[in-house]
């Protein structure tokens, strides 16, 4: 199993910066109308393993469909580097866009879980 470590990420312009502790054990993508257009590779982590370092004031909120996920994107560059939500048991999660991490290892898309969000 991959080792847990801290990674750093940001939006395109750098106004929103964060760190996340993960082992990349549950990478996924989704085919819903939003994720498909964004090209996300997601890694969900418990909220206490995510730290927003700068840019809270530069985040804009977007809800769609069930409005249960807080899709947050940078007001300056438009990049969504993470989203907030809960799992089925009500635990707070952060879904990190792995493509926004500065120091993440390369991802082989053929090895990740595919979520059928289009038919959810």
PDB file of N, CA and C in Angstrom:
ATOM      1  N   UNK A   1       0.850  -1.186   0.000  1.00  0.00           N
ATOM      2  CA  UNK A   1       0.000   0.000   0.000  1.00  0.00           C
ATOM      3  C   UNK A   1       0.894   1.248   0.000  1.00  0.00           C
ATOM      4  N   UNK A   2       0.489   2.272  -0.729  1.00  0.00           N
ATOM      5  CA  UNK A   2       1.279   3.520  -0.752  1.00  0.00           C
ATOM      6  C   UNK A   2       1.373   4.122   0.650  1.00  0.00           C
ATOM      7  N   UNK A   3       2.396   4.872   0.877  1.00  0.00           N
ATOM      8  CA  UNK A   3       2.642   5.489   2.176  1.00  0.00           C
ATOM      9  C   UNK A   3       1.928   6.826   2.299  1.00  0.00           C
ATOM     10  N   UNK A   4       1.363   7.078   3.478  1.00  0.00           N
ATOM     11  CA  UNK A   4       0.712   8.349   3.777  1.00  0.00           C
ATOM     12  C   UNK A   4       1.773   9.443   3.821  1.00  0.00           C
ATOM     13  N   UNK A   5       1.522  10.548   3.108  1.00  0.00           N
ATOM     14  CA  UNK A   5       2.436  11.689   3.190  1.00  0.00           C
ATOM     15  C   UNK A   5       1.672  12.961   2.869  1.00  0.00           C
ATOM     16  N   UNK A   6       2.290  14.095   3.144  1.00  0.00           N
ATOM     17  CA  UNK A   6       1.664  15.394   2.919  1.00  0.00           C
ATOM     18  C   UNK A   6       2.072  15.931   1.560  1.00  0.00           C
ATOM     19  N   UNK A   7       1.071  16.401   0.818  1.00  0.00           N
ATOM     20  CA  UNK A   7       1.272  17.000  -0.501  1.00  0.00           C
ATOM     21  C   UNK A   7       0.757  18.431  -0.454  1.00  0.00           C
ATOM     22  N   UNK A   8       1.250  19.272  -1.350  1.00  0.00           N
ATOM     23  CA  UNK A   8       0.849  20.677  -1.423  1.00  0.00           C
ATOM     24  C   UNK A   8       0.222  20.949  -2.784  1.00  0.00           C
ATOM     25  N   UNK A   9      -0.810  21.789  -2.767  1.00  0.00           N
ATOM     26  CA  UNK A   9      -1.484  22.100  -4.022  1.00  0.00           C
ATOM     27  C   UNK A   9      -1.958  23.531  -4.060  1.00  0.00           C
ATOM     28  N   UNK A  10      -2.443  23.903  -5.240  1.00  0.00           N
ATOM     29  CA  UNK A  10      -2.931  25.276  -5.421  1.00  0.00           C
ATOM     30  C   UNK A  10      -3.783  25.338  -6.684  1.00  0.00           C
ATOM     31  N   UNK A  11      -4.490  26.445  -6.795  1.00  0.00           N
ATOM     32  CA  UNK A  11      -5.196  26.738  -8.032  1.00  0.00           C
ATOM     33  C   UNK A  11      -4.168  27.197  -9.066  1.00  0.00           C
ATOM     34  N   UNK A  12      -4.596  27.576 -10.240  1.00  0.00           N
ATOM     35  CA  UNK A  12      -3.667  27.958 -11.306  1.00  0.00           C
ATOM     36  C   UNK A  12      -2.881  29.224 -10.971  1.00  0.00           C
ATOM     37  N   UNK A  13      -3.557  30.238 -10.421  1.00  0.00           N
ATOM     38  CA  UNK A  13      -2.882  31.509 -10.141  1.00  0.00           C
ATOM     39  C   UNK A  13      -2.159  31.522  -8.802  1.00  0.00           C
ATOM     40  N   UNK A  14      -2.411  30.520  -7.941  1.00  0.00           N
ATOM     41  CA  UNK A  14      -1.740  30.433  -6.652  1.00  0.00           C
ATOM     42  C   UNK A  14      -2.426  31.167  -5.520  1.00  0.00           C
ATOM     43  N   UNK A  15      -3.557  31.804  -5.772  1.00  0.00           N
ATOM     44  CA  UNK A  15      -4.267  32.518  -4.709  1.00  0.00           C
ATOM     45  C   UNK A  15      -4.815  31.559  -3.655  1.00  0.00           C
ATOM     46  N   UNK A  16      -5.217  30.353  -4.077  1.00  0.00           N
ATOM     47  CA  UNK A  16      -5.740  29.324  -3.177  1.00  0.00           C
ATOM     48  C   UNK A  16      -4.663  28.248  -3.040  1.00  0.00           C
ATOM     49  N   UNK A  17      -4.201  28.048  -1.808  1.00  0.00           N
ATOM     50  CA  UNK A  17      -3.145  27.056  -1.541  1.00  0.00           C
ATOM     51  C   UNK A  17      -3.591  26.166  -0.383  1.00  0.00           C
ATOM     52  N   UNK A  18      -3.202  24.908  -0.463  1.00  0.00           N
ATOM     53  CA  UNK A  18      -3.619  23.948   0.551  1.00  0.00           C
ATOM     54  C   UNK A  18      -2.592  22.838   0.684  1.00  0.00           C
ATOM     55  N   UNK A  19      -2.747  22.044   1.742  1.00  0.00           N
ATOM     56  CA  UNK A  19      -1.969  20.815   1.907  1.00  0.00           C
ATOM     57  C   UNK A  19      -2.949  19.699   2.237  1.00  0.00           C
ATOM     58  N   UNK A  20      -2.548  18.488   1.897  1.00  0.00           N
ATOM     59  CA  UNK A  20      -3.397  17.325   2.139  1.00  0.00           C
ATOM     60  C   UNK A  20      -2.516  16.137   2.487  1.00  0.00           C
ATOM     61  N   UNK A  21      -2.956  15.362   3.456  1.00  0.00           N
ATOM     62  CA  UNK A  21      -2.248  14.138   3.817  1.00  0.00           C
ATOM     63  C   UNK A  21      -3.020  12.965   3.227  1.00  0.00           C
ATOM     64  N   UNK A  22      -2.365  12.194   2.354  1.00  0.00           N
ATOM     65  CA  UNK A  22      -3.025  11.084   1.682  1.00  0.00           C
ATOM     66  C   UNK A  22      -2.017  10.031   1.261  1.00  0.00           C
ATOM     67  N   UNK A  23      -2.534   8.864   0.900  1.00  0.00           N
ATOM     68  CA  UNK A  23      -1.709   7.791   0.358  1.00  0.00           C
ATOM     69  C   UNK A  23      -2.132   7.439  -1.072  1.00  0.00           C
ATOM     70  N   UNK A  24      -3.053   8.192  -1.633  1.00  0.00           N
ATOM     71  CA  UNK A  24      -3.569   7.967  -2.991  1.00  0.00           C
ATOM     72  C   UNK A  24      -4.135   6.564  -3.180  1.00  0.00           C
ATOM     73  N   UNK A  25      -4.695   5.993  -2.105  1.00  0.00           N
ATOM     74  CA  UNK A  25      -5.213   4.625  -2.164  1.00  0.00           C
ATOM     75  C   UNK A  25      -6.579   4.523  -2.842  1.00  0.00           C
ATOM     76  N   UNK A  26      -7.277   5.642  -3.007  1.00  0.00           N
ATOM     77  CA  UNK A  26      -8.631   5.554  -3.571  1.00  0.00           C
ATOM     78  C   UNK A  26      -8.863   6.628  -4.633  1.00  0.00           C
ATOM     79  N   UNK A  27      -7.968   6.712  -5.587  1.00  0.00           N
ATOM     80  CA  UNK A  27      -8.129   7.675  -6.684  1.00  0.00           C
ATOM     81  C   UNK A  27      -9.338   7.327  -7.523  1.00  0.00           C
ATOM     82  N   UNK A  28     -10.007   8.343  -8.026  1.00  0.00           N
ATOM     83  CA  UNK A  28     -11.173   8.093  -8.859  1.00  0.00           C
ATOM     84  C   UNK A  28     -11.447   9.234  -9.801  1.00  0.00           C
ATOM     85  N   UNK A  29     -12.307   8.943 -10.760  1.00  0.00           N
ATOM     86  CA  UNK A  29     -12.849   9.995 -11.616  1.00  0.00           C
ATOM     87  C   UNK A  29     -14.343   9.766 -11.729  1.00  0.00           C
ATOM     88  N   UNK A  30     -15.029  10.719 -12.304  1.00  0.00           N
ATOM     89  CA  UNK A  30     -16.488  10.696 -12.360  1.00  0.00           C
ATOM     90  C   UNK A  30     -16.923  11.178 -13.736  1.00  0.00           C
ATOM     91  N   UNK A  31     -18.030  10.617 -14.222  1.00  0.00           N
ATOM     92  CA  UNK A  31     -18.528  11.013 -15.534  1.00  0.00           C
ATOM     93  C   UNK A  31     -19.754  11.919 -15.464  1.00  0.00           C
ATOM     94  N   UNK A  32     -19.994  12.550 -14.310  1.00  0.00           N
ATOM     95  CA  UNK A  32     -21.111  13.493 -14.242  1.00  0.00           C
ATOM     96  C   UNK A  32     -20.801  14.684 -15.154  1.00  0.00           C
ATOM     97  N   UNK A  33     -21.802  15.484 -15.411  1.00  0.00           N
ATOM     98  CA  UNK A  33     -21.636  16.599 -16.349  1.00  0.00           C
ATOM     99  C   UNK A  33     -20.536  17.565 -15.925  1.00  0.00           C
ATOM    100  N   UNK A  34     -20.357  17.777 -14.650  1.00  0.00           N
ATOM    101  CA  UNK A  34     -19.336  18.713 -14.163  1.00  0.00           C
ATOM    102  C   UNK A  34     -17.945  18.095 -14.185  1.00  0.00           C
ATOM    103  N   UNK A  35     -17.769  16.952 -13.549  1.00  0.00           N
ATOM    104  CA  UNK A  35     -16.436  16.323 -13.471  1.00  0.00           C
ATOM    105  C   UNK A  35     -15.894  15.969 -14.854  1.00  0.00           C
ATOM    106  N   UNK A  36     -16.770  15.505 -15.726  1.00  0.00           N
ATOM    107  CA  UNK A  36     -16.333  15.163 -17.081  1.00  0.00           C
ATOM    108  C   UNK A  36     -15.729  16.374 -17.774  1.00  0.00           C
ATOM    109  N   UNK A  37     -16.345  17.515 -17.629  1.00  0.00           N
ATOM    110  CA  UNK A  37     -15.837  18.732 -18.261  1.00  0.00           C
ATOM    111  C   UNK A  37     -14.547  19.231 -17.614  1.00  0.00           C
ATOM    112  N   UNK A  38     -14.399  18.983 -16.313  1.00  0.00           N
ATOM    113  CA  UNK A  38     -13.225  19.463 -15.595  1.00  0.00           C
ATOM    114  C   UNK A  38     -12.015  18.537 -15.723  1.00  0.00           C
ATOM    115  N   UNK A  39     -12.236  17.269 -16.019  1.00  0.00           N
ATOM    116  CA  UNK A  39     -11.133  16.323 -16.117  1.00  0.00           C
ATOM    117  C   UNK A  39     -10.508  15.980 -14.770  1.00  0.00           C
ATOM    118  N   UNK A  40     -11.292  16.033 -13.741  1.00  0.00           N
ATOM    119  CA  UNK A  40     -10.825  15.758 -12.377  1.00  0.00           C
ATOM    120  C   UNK A  40     -10.252  14.357 -12.225  1.00  0.00           C
ATOM    121  N   UNK A  41      -9.230  14.232 -11.405  1.00  0.00           N
ATOM    122  CA  UNK A  41      -8.850  12.979 -10.761  1.00  0.00           C
ATOM    123  C   UNK A  41      -9.008  13.276  -9.282  1.00  0.00           C
ATOM    124  N   UNK A  42      -9.878  12.530  -8.619  1.00  0.00           N
ATOM    125  CA  UNK A  42     -10.244  12.838  -7.239  1.00  0.00           C
ATOM    126  C   UNK A  42      -9.572  11.912  -6.244  1.00  0.00           C
ATOM    127  N   UNK A  43      -9.263  12.479  -5.096  1.00  0.00           N
ATOM    128  CA  UNK A  43      -8.847  11.711  -3.930  1.00  0.00           C
ATOM    129  C   UNK A  43      -9.619  12.270  -2.756  1.00  0.00           C
ATOM    130  N   UNK A  44     -10.478  11.452  -2.158  1.00  0.00           N
ATOM    131  CA  UNK A  44     -11.227  11.874  -0.978  1.00  0.00           C
ATOM    132  C   UNK A  44     -10.393  11.638   0.264  1.00  0.00           C
ATOM    133  N   UNK A  45     -10.411  12.604   1.159  1.00  0.00           N
ATOM    134  CA  UNK A  45      -9.702  12.494   2.430  1.00  0.00           C
ATOM    135  C   UNK A  45     -10.604  13.008   3.548  1.00  0.00           C
ATOM    136  N   UNK A  46     -10.444  12.481   4.757  1.00  0.00           N
ATOM    137  CA  UNK A  46     -11.169  13.069   5.886  1.00  0.00           C
ATOM    138  C   UNK A  46     -10.792  14.543   6.010  1.00  0.00           C
ATOM    139  N   UNK A  47     -11.743  15.360   6.406  1.00  0.00           N
ATOM    140  CA  UNK A  47     -11.529  16.808   6.469  1.00  0.00           C
ATOM    141  C   UNK A  47     -10.345  17.204   7.344  1.00  0.00           C
ATOM    142  N   UNK A  48     -10.041  16.399   8.358  1.00  0.00           N
ATOM    143  CA  UNK A  48      -8.923  16.758   9.233  1.00  0.00           C
ATOM    144  C   UNK A  48      -7.554  16.467   8.613  1.00  0.00           C
ATOM    145  N   UNK A  49      -7.530  15.896   7.422  1.00  0.00           N
ATOM    146  CA  UNK A  49      -6.267  15.679   6.702  1.00  0.00           C
ATOM    147  C   UNK A  49      -6.061  16.708   5.589  1.00  0.00           C
ATOM    148  N   UNK A  50      -6.900  17.720   5.580  1.00  0.00           N
ATOM    149  CA  UNK A  50      -6.823  18.789   4.587  1.00  0.00           C
ATOM    150  C   UNK A  50      -6.664  20.113   5.311  1.00  0.00           C
ATOM    151  N   UNK A  51      -5.785  20.976   4.818  1.00  0.00           N
ATOM    152  CA  UNK A  51      -5.606  22.302   5.422  1.00  0.00           C
ATOM    153  C   UNK A  51      -5.564  23.352   4.321  1.00  0.00           C
ATOM    154  N   UNK A  52      -6.526  24.258   4.337  1.00  0.00           N
ATOM    155  CA  UNK A  52      -6.503  25.405   3.435  1.00  0.00           C
ATOM    156  C   UNK A  52      -5.534  26.411   4.024  1.00  0.00           C
ATOM    157  N   UNK A  53      -4.478  26.728   3.297  1.00  0.00           N
ATOM    158  CA  UNK A  53      -3.440  27.612   3.825  1.00  0.00           C
ATOM    159  C   UNK A  53      -3.696  29.070   3.490  1.00  0.00           C
ATOM    160  N   UNK A  54      -4.098  29.343   2.259  1.00  0.00           N
ATOM    161  CA  UNK A  54      -4.433  30.713   1.862  1.00  0.00           C
ATOM    162  C   UNK A  54      -5.572  30.678   0.850  1.00  0.00           C
ATOM    163  N   UNK A  55      -6.296  31.784   0.772  1.00  0.00           N
ATOM    164  CA  UNK A  55      -7.279  31.957  -0.288  1.00  0.00           C
ATOM    165  C   UNK A  55      -8.729  31.736   0.057  1.00  0.00           C
ATOM    166  N   UNK A  56      -9.064  31.547   1.330  1.00  0.00           N
ATOM    167  CA  UNK A  56     -10.473  31.347   1.709  1.00  0.00           C
ATOM    168  C   UNK A  56     -11.351  32.449   1.116  1.00  0.00           C
ATOM    169  N   UNK A  57     -10.888  33.690   1.193  1.00  0.00           N
ATOM    170  CA  UNK A  57     -11.661  34.831   0.687  1.00  0.00           C
ATOM    171  C   UNK A  57     -11.739  34.851  -0.838  1.00  0.00           C
ATOM    172  N   UNK A  58     -10.934  34.062  -1.498  1.00  0.00           N
ATOM    173  CA  UNK A  58     -10.912  34.030  -2.959  1.00  0.00           C
ATOM    174  C   UNK A  58     -11.714  32.859  -3.525  1.00  0.00           C
ATOM    175  N   UNK A  59     -12.393  32.108  -2.650  1.00  0.00           N
ATOM    176  CA  UNK A  59     -13.178  30.959  -3.094  1.00  0.00           C
ATOM    177  C   UNK A  59     -14.617  31.359  -3.363  1.00  0.00           C
ATOM    178  N   UNK A  60     -15.164  30.812  -4.427  1.00  0.00           N
ATOM    179  CA  UNK A  60     -16.571  31.005  -4.766  1.00  0.00           C
ATOM    180  C   UNK A  60     -17.247  29.642  -4.723  1.00  0.00           C
ATOM    181  N   UNK A  61     -18.479  29.600  -4.260  1.00  0.00           N
ATOM    182  CA  UNK A  61     -19.222  28.363  -4.063  1.00  0.00           C
ATOM    183  C   UNK A  61     -20.187  28.097  -5.213  1.00  0.00           C
ATOM    184  N   UNK A  62     -20.235  26.833  -5.633  1.00  0.00           N
ATOM    185  CA  UNK A  62     -21.191  26.411  -6.657  1.00  0.00           C
ATOM    186  C   UNK A  62     -21.843  25.111  -6.210  1.00  0.00           C
ATOM    187  N   UNK A  63     -23.167  25.051  -6.263  1.00  0.00           N
ATOM    188  CA  UNK A  63     -23.924  23.829  -5.984  1.00  0.00           C
ATOM    189  C   UNK A  63     -24.695  23.430  -7.233  1.00  0.00           C
ATOM    190  N   UNK A  64     -24.854  22.134  -7.436  1.00  0.00           N
ATOM    191  CA  UNK A  64     -25.742  21.653  -8.493  1.00  0.00           C
ATOM    192  C   UNK A  64     -26.314  20.304  -8.081  1.00  0.00           C
ATOM    193  N   UNK A  65     -27.231  19.779  -8.859  1.00  0.00           N
ATOM    194  CA  UNK A  65     -27.885  18.492  -8.636  1.00  0.00           C
ATOM    195  C   UNK A  65     -28.448  18.433  -7.223  1.00  0.00           C
ATOM    196  N   UNK A  66     -27.933  17.571  -6.357  1.00  0.00           N
ATOM    197  CA  UNK A  66     -28.468  17.413  -5.000  1.00  0.00           C
ATOM    198  C   UNK A  66     -28.010  18.519  -4.057  1.00  0.00           C
ATOM    199  N   UNK A  67     -27.096  19.362  -4.491  1.00  0.00           N
ATOM    200  CA  UNK A  67     -26.550  20.479  -3.721  1.00  0.00           C
ATOM    201  C   UNK A  67     -25.908  20.045  -2.408  1.00  0.00           C
ATOM    202  N   UNK A  68     -25.381  18.811  -2.367  1.00  0.00           N
ATOM    203  CA  UNK A  68     -24.743  18.293  -1.158  1.00  0.00           C
ATOM    204  C   UNK A  68     -23.237  18.496  -1.154  1.00  0.00           C
ATOM    205  N   UNK A  69     -22.653  18.824  -2.302  1.00  0.00           N
ATOM    206  CA  UNK A  69     -21.207  19.030  -2.383  1.00  0.00           C
ATOM    207  C   UNK A  69     -20.937  20.513  -2.579  1.00  0.00           C
ATOM    208  N   UNK A  70     -20.026  21.039  -1.782  1.00  0.00           N
ATOM    209  CA  UNK A  70     -19.589  22.433  -1.936  1.00  0.00           C
ATOM    210  C   UNK A  70     -18.459  22.453  -2.961  1.00  0.00           C
ATOM    211  N   UNK A  71     -18.793  22.802  -4.191  1.00  0.00           N
ATOM    212  CA  UNK A  71     -17.793  22.951  -5.250  1.00  0.00           C
ATOM    213  C   UNK A  71     -17.210  24.345  -5.101  1.00  0.00           C
ATOM    214  N   UNK A  72     -15.938  24.427  -4.761  1.00  0.00           N
ATOM    215  CA  UNK A  72     -15.281  25.702  -4.480  1.00  0.00           C
ATOM    216  C   UNK A  72     -14.233  25.970  -5.545  1.00  0.00           C
ATOM    217  N   UNK A  73     -14.285  27.148  -6.127  1.00  0.00           N
ATOM    218  CA  UNK A  73     -13.308  27.482  -7.158  1.00  0.00           C
ATOM    219  C   UNK A  73     -12.755  28.878  -6.937  1.00  0.00           C
ATOM    220  N   UNK A  74     -11.560  29.096  -7.461  1.00  0.00           N
ATOM    221  CA  UNK A  74     -10.877  30.372  -7.307  1.00  0.00           C
ATOM    222  C   UNK A  74     -11.578  31.447  -8.142  1.00  0.00           C
ATOM    223  N   UNK A  75     -11.888  32.575  -7.523  1.00  0.00           N
ATOM    224  CA  UNK A  75     -12.527  33.694  -8.232  1.00  0.00           C
ATOM    225  C   UNK A  75     -11.611  34.317  -9.268  1.00  0.00           C
ATOM    226  N   UNK A  76     -10.303  34.180  -9.102  1.00  0.00           N
ATOM    227  CA  UNK A  76      -9.358  34.809 -10.033  1.00  0.00           C
ATOM    228  C   UNK A  76      -9.107  33.967 -11.275  1.00  0.00           C
ATOM    229  N   UNK A  77      -8.788  32.672 -11.091  1.00  0.00           N
ATOM    230  CA  UNK A  77      -8.426  31.847 -12.251  1.00  0.00           C
ATOM    231  C   UNK A  77      -9.485  30.817 -12.630  1.00  0.00           C
ATOM    232  N   UNK A  78     -10.472  30.587 -11.764  1.00  0.00           N
ATOM    233  CA  UNK A  78     -11.566  29.669 -12.082  1.00  0.00           C
ATOM    234  C   UNK A  78     -11.298  28.200 -11.809  1.00  0.00           C
ATOM    235  N   UNK A  79     -10.142  27.863 -11.270  1.00  0.00           N
ATOM    236  CA  UNK A  79      -9.803  26.460 -11.042  1.00  0.00           C
ATOM    237  C   UNK A  79     -10.427  25.951  -9.745  1.00  0.00           C
ATOM    238  N   UNK A  80     -11.017  24.752  -9.825  1.00  0.00           N
ATOM    239  CA  UNK A  80     -11.558  24.084  -8.651  1.00  0.00           C
ATOM    240  C   UNK A  80     -10.542  23.037  -8.217  1.00  0.00           C
ATOM    241  N   UNK A  81      -9.813  23.326  -7.150  1.00  0.00           N
ATOM    242  CA  UNK A  81      -8.769  22.417  -6.702  1.00  0.00           C
ATOM    243  C   UNK A  81      -9.255  21.447  -5.627  1.00  0.00           C
ATOM    244  N   UNK A  82     -10.418  21.719  -5.051  1.00  0.00           N
ATOM    245  CA  UNK A  82     -11.001  20.803  -4.068  1.00  0.00           C
ATOM    246  C   UNK A  82     -12.478  21.116  -3.901  1.00  0.00           C
ATOM    247  N   UNK A  83     -13.189  20.173  -3.275  1.00  0.00           N
ATOM    248  CA  UNK A  83     -14.607  20.334  -2.944  1.00  0.00           C
ATOM    249  C   UNK A  83     -14.815  19.744  -1.553  1.00  0.00           C
ATOM    250  N   UNK A  84     -15.870  20.178  -0.885  1.00  0.00           N
ATOM    251  CA  UNK A  84     -16.180  19.669   0.448  1.00  0.00           C
ATOM    252  C   UNK A  84     -17.540  18.993   0.438  1.00  0.00           C
ATOM    253  N   UNK A  85     -17.646  17.924   1.223  1.00  0.00           N
ATOM    254  CA  UNK A  85     -18.913  17.200   1.326  1.00  0.00           C
ATOM    255  C   UNK A  85     -18.867  16.243   2.495  1.00  0.00           C
ATOM    256  N   UNK A  86     -19.787  15.276   2.507  1.00  0.00           N
ATOM    257  CA  UNK A  86     -19.837  14.248   3.538  1.00  0.00           C
ATOM    258  C   UNK A  86     -20.010  12.889   2.883  1.00  0.00           C
ATOM    259  N   UNK A  87     -19.572  11.840   3.612  1.00  0.00           N
ATOM    260  CA  UNK A  87     -19.789  10.487   3.114  1.00  0.00           C
ATOM    261  C   UNK A  87     -21.161  10.006   3.570  1.00  0.00           C
ATOM    262  N   UNK A  88     -21.491   8.767   3.300  1.00  0.00           N
ATOM    263  CA  UNK A  88     -22.801   8.213   3.640  1.00  0.00           C
ATOM    264  C   UNK A  88     -23.104   8.159   5.120  1.00  0.00           C
ATOM    265  N   UNK A  89     -22.068   8.240   5.958  1.00  0.00           N
ATOM    266  CA  UNK A  89     -22.255   8.222   7.405  1.00  0.00           C
ATOM    267  C   UNK A  89     -22.221   9.625   8.016  1.00  0.00           C
ATOM    268  N   UNK A  90     -22.110  10.658   7.181  1.00  0.00           N
ATOM    269  CA  UNK A  90     -22.099  12.030   7.662  1.00  0.00           C
ATOM    270  C   UNK A  90     -20.728  12.565   8.033  1.00  0.00           C
ATOM    271  N   UNK A  91     -19.665  11.798   7.759  1.00  0.00           N
ATOM    272  CA  UNK A  91     -18.314  12.261   8.038  1.00  0.00           C
ATOM    273  C   UNK A  91     -17.888  13.298   7.006  1.00  0.00           C
ATOM    274  N   UNK A  92     -17.288  14.400   7.474  1.00  0.00           N
ATOM    275  CA  UNK A  92     -16.836  15.452   6.558  1.00  0.00           C
ATOM    276  C   UNK A  92     -15.635  14.985   5.747  1.00  0.00           C
ATOM    277  N   UNK A  93     -15.721  15.218   4.437  1.00  0.00           N
ATOM    278  CA  UNK A  93     -14.664  14.843   3.502  1.00  0.00           C
ATOM    279  C   UNK A  93     -14.265  16.032   2.657  1.00  0.00           C
ATOM    280  N   UNK A  94     -13.068  15.967   2.141  1.00  0.00           N
ATOM    281  CA  UNK A  94     -12.619  16.912   1.127  1.00  0.00           C
ATOM    282  C   UNK A  94     -12.198  16.076  -0.074  1.00  0.00           C
ATOM    283  N   UNK A  95     -12.713  16.418  -1.237  1.00  0.00           N
ATOM    284  CA  UNK A  95     -12.322  15.767  -2.475  1.00  0.00           C
ATOM    285  C   UNK A  95     -11.299  16.668  -3.140  1.00  0.00           C
ATOM    286  N   UNK A  96     -10.073  16.183  -3.224  1.00  0.00           N
ATOM    287  CA  UNK A  96      -8.973  16.961  -3.773  1.00  0.00           C
ATOM    288  C   UNK A  96      -8.799  16.619  -5.252  1.00  0.00           C
ATOM    289  N   UNK A  97      -8.622  17.647  -6.060  1.00  0.00           N
ATOM    290  CA  UNK A  97      -8.304  17.454  -7.478  1.00  0.00           C
ATOM    291  C   UNK A  97      -6.802  17.189  -7.550  1.00  0.00           C
ATOM    292  N   UNK A  98      -6.424  15.933  -7.751  1.00  0.00           N
ATOM    293  CA  UNK A  98      -5.020  15.533  -7.749  1.00  0.00           C
ATOM    294  C   UNK A  98      -4.224  16.304  -8.808  1.00  0.00           C
ATOM    295  N   UNK A  99      -4.885  16.715  -9.876  1.00  0.00           N
ATOM    296  CA  UNK A  99      -4.210  17.497 -10.918  1.00  0.00           C
ATOM    297  C   UNK A  99      -3.731  18.856 -10.413  1.00  0.00           C
ATOM    298  N   UNK A 100      -4.199  19.290  -9.236  1.00  0.00           N
ATOM    299  CA  UNK A 100      -3.790  20.578  -8.668  1.00  0.00           C
ATOM    300  C   UNK A 100      -2.678  20.443  -7.630  1.00  0.00           C
ATOM    301  N   UNK A 101      -2.192  19.233  -7.411  1.00  0.00           N
ATOM    302  CA  UNK A 101      -1.101  19.026  -6.460  1.00  0.00           C
ATOM    303  C   UNK A 101       0.233  19.244  -7.152  1.00  0.00           C
ATOM    304  N   UNK A 102       1.109  19.983  -6.491  1.00  0.00           N
ATOM    305  CA  UNK A 102       2.431  20.295  -7.054  1.00  0.00           C
ATOM    306  C   UNK A 102       3.351  19.089  -7.092  1.00  0.00           C
ATOM    307  N   UNK A 103       3.246  18.236  -6.094  1.00  0.00           N
ATOM    308  CA  UNK A 103       4.237  17.184  -5.906  1.00  0.00           C
ATOM    309  C   UNK A 103       3.661  15.777  -5.936  1.00  0.00           C
ATOM    310  N   UNK A 104       2.512  15.598  -6.585  1.00  0.00           N
ATOM    311  CA  UNK A 104       1.887  14.273  -6.662  1.00  0.00           C
ATOM    312  C   UNK A 104       2.587  13.404  -7.704  1.00  0.00           C
ATOM    313  N   UNK A 105       2.623  12.101  -7.462  1.00  0.00           N
ATOM    314  CA  UNK A 105       3.198  11.213  -8.473  1.00  0.00           C
ATOM    315  C   UNK A 105       2.289  11.143  -9.696  1.00  0.00           C
ATOM    316  N   UNK A 106       2.810  10.723 -10.846  1.00  0.00           N
ATOM    317  CA  UNK A 106       1.972  10.579 -12.042  1.00  0.00           C
ATOM    318  C   UNK A 106       0.846   9.571 -11.792  1.00  0.00           C
ATOM    319  N   UNK A 107      -0.298   9.802 -12.428  1.00  0.00           N
ATOM    320  CA  UNK A 107      -1.466   8.936 -12.249  1.00  0.00           C
ATOM    321  C   UNK A 107      -1.731   8.175 -13.536  1.00  0.00           C
ATOM    322  N   UNK A 108      -1.873   6.871 -13.419  1.00  0.00           N
ATOM    323  CA  UNK A 108      -2.275   6.021 -14.536  1.00  0.00           C
ATOM    324  C   UNK A 108      -3.794   5.894 -14.473  1.00  0.00           C
ATOM    325  N   UNK A 109      -4.502   6.594 -15.354  1.00  0.00           N
ATOM    326  CA  UNK A 109      -5.969   6.609 -15.308  1.00  0.00           C
ATOM    327  C   UNK A 109      -6.595   5.223 -15.445  1.00  0.00           C
ATOM    328  N   UNK A 110      -5.889   4.272 -16.014  1.00  0.00           N
ATOM    329  CA  UNK A 110      -6.457   2.927 -16.167  1.00  0.00           C
ATOM    330  C   UNK A 110      -6.525   2.181 -14.839  1.00  0.00           C
ATOM    331  N   UNK A 111      -5.882   2.702 -13.798  1.00  0.00           N
ATOM    332  CA  UNK A 111      -5.843   2.012 -12.505  1.00  0.00           C
ATOM    333  C   UNK A 111      -6.777   2.635 -11.467  1.00  0.00           C
ATOM    334  N   UNK A 112      -7.508   3.681 -11.815  1.00  0.00           N
ATOM    335  CA  UNK A 112      -8.342   4.365 -10.819  1.00  0.00           C
ATOM    336  C   UNK A 112      -9.790   3.910 -10.916  1.00  0.00           C
ATOM    337  N   UNK A 113     -10.540   4.149  -9.838  1.00  0.00           N
ATOM    338  CA  UNK A 113     -11.960   3.791  -9.770  1.00  0.00           C
ATOM    339  C   UNK A 113     -12.755   4.805 -10.587  1.00  0.00           C
ATOM    340  N   UNK A 114     -13.692   4.311 -11.376  1.00  0.00           N
ATOM    341  CA  UNK A 114     -14.544   5.169 -12.191  1.00  0.00           C
ATOM    342  C   UNK A 114     -15.947   5.212 -11.572  1.00  0.00           C
ATOM    343  N   UNK A 115     -16.379   6.421 -11.214  1.00  0.00           N
ATOM    344  CA  UNK A 115     -17.682   6.640 -10.579  1.00  0.00           C
ATOM    345  C   UNK A 115     -18.683   7.060 -11.639  1.00  0.00           C
ATOM    346  N   UNK A 116     -19.808   6.367 -11.712  1.00  0.00           N
ATOM    347  CA  UNK A 116     -20.845   6.677 -12.705  1.00  0.00           C
ATOM    348  C   UNK A 116     -21.784   7.740 -12.157  1.00  0.00           C
ATOM    349  N   UNK A 117     -21.262   8.956 -12.033  1.00  0.00           N
ATOM    350  CA  UNK A 117     -22.059  10.061 -11.505  1.00  0.00           C
ATOM    351  C   UNK A 117     -23.153  10.517 -12.467  1.00  0.00           C
ATOM    352  N   UNK A 118     -22.999  10.219 -13.756  1.00  0.00           N
ATOM    353  CA  UNK A 118     -24.016  10.606 -14.736  1.00  0.00           C
ATOM    354  C   UNK A 118     -25.335   9.891 -14.509  1.00  0.00           C
ATOM    355  N   UNK A 119     -25.290   8.708 -13.913  1.00  0.00           N
ATOM    356  CA  UNK A 119     -26.500   7.919 -13.668  1.00  0.00           C
ATOM    357  C   UNK A 119     -26.801   7.739 -12.199  1.00  0.00           C
ATOM    358  N   UNK A 120     -26.250   8.604 -11.369  1.00  0.00           N
ATOM    359  CA  UNK A 120     -26.429   8.515  -9.922  1.00  0.00           C
ATOM    360  C   UNK A 120     -27.778   9.045  -9.523  1.00  0.00           C
TER     361      UNK A 120
END
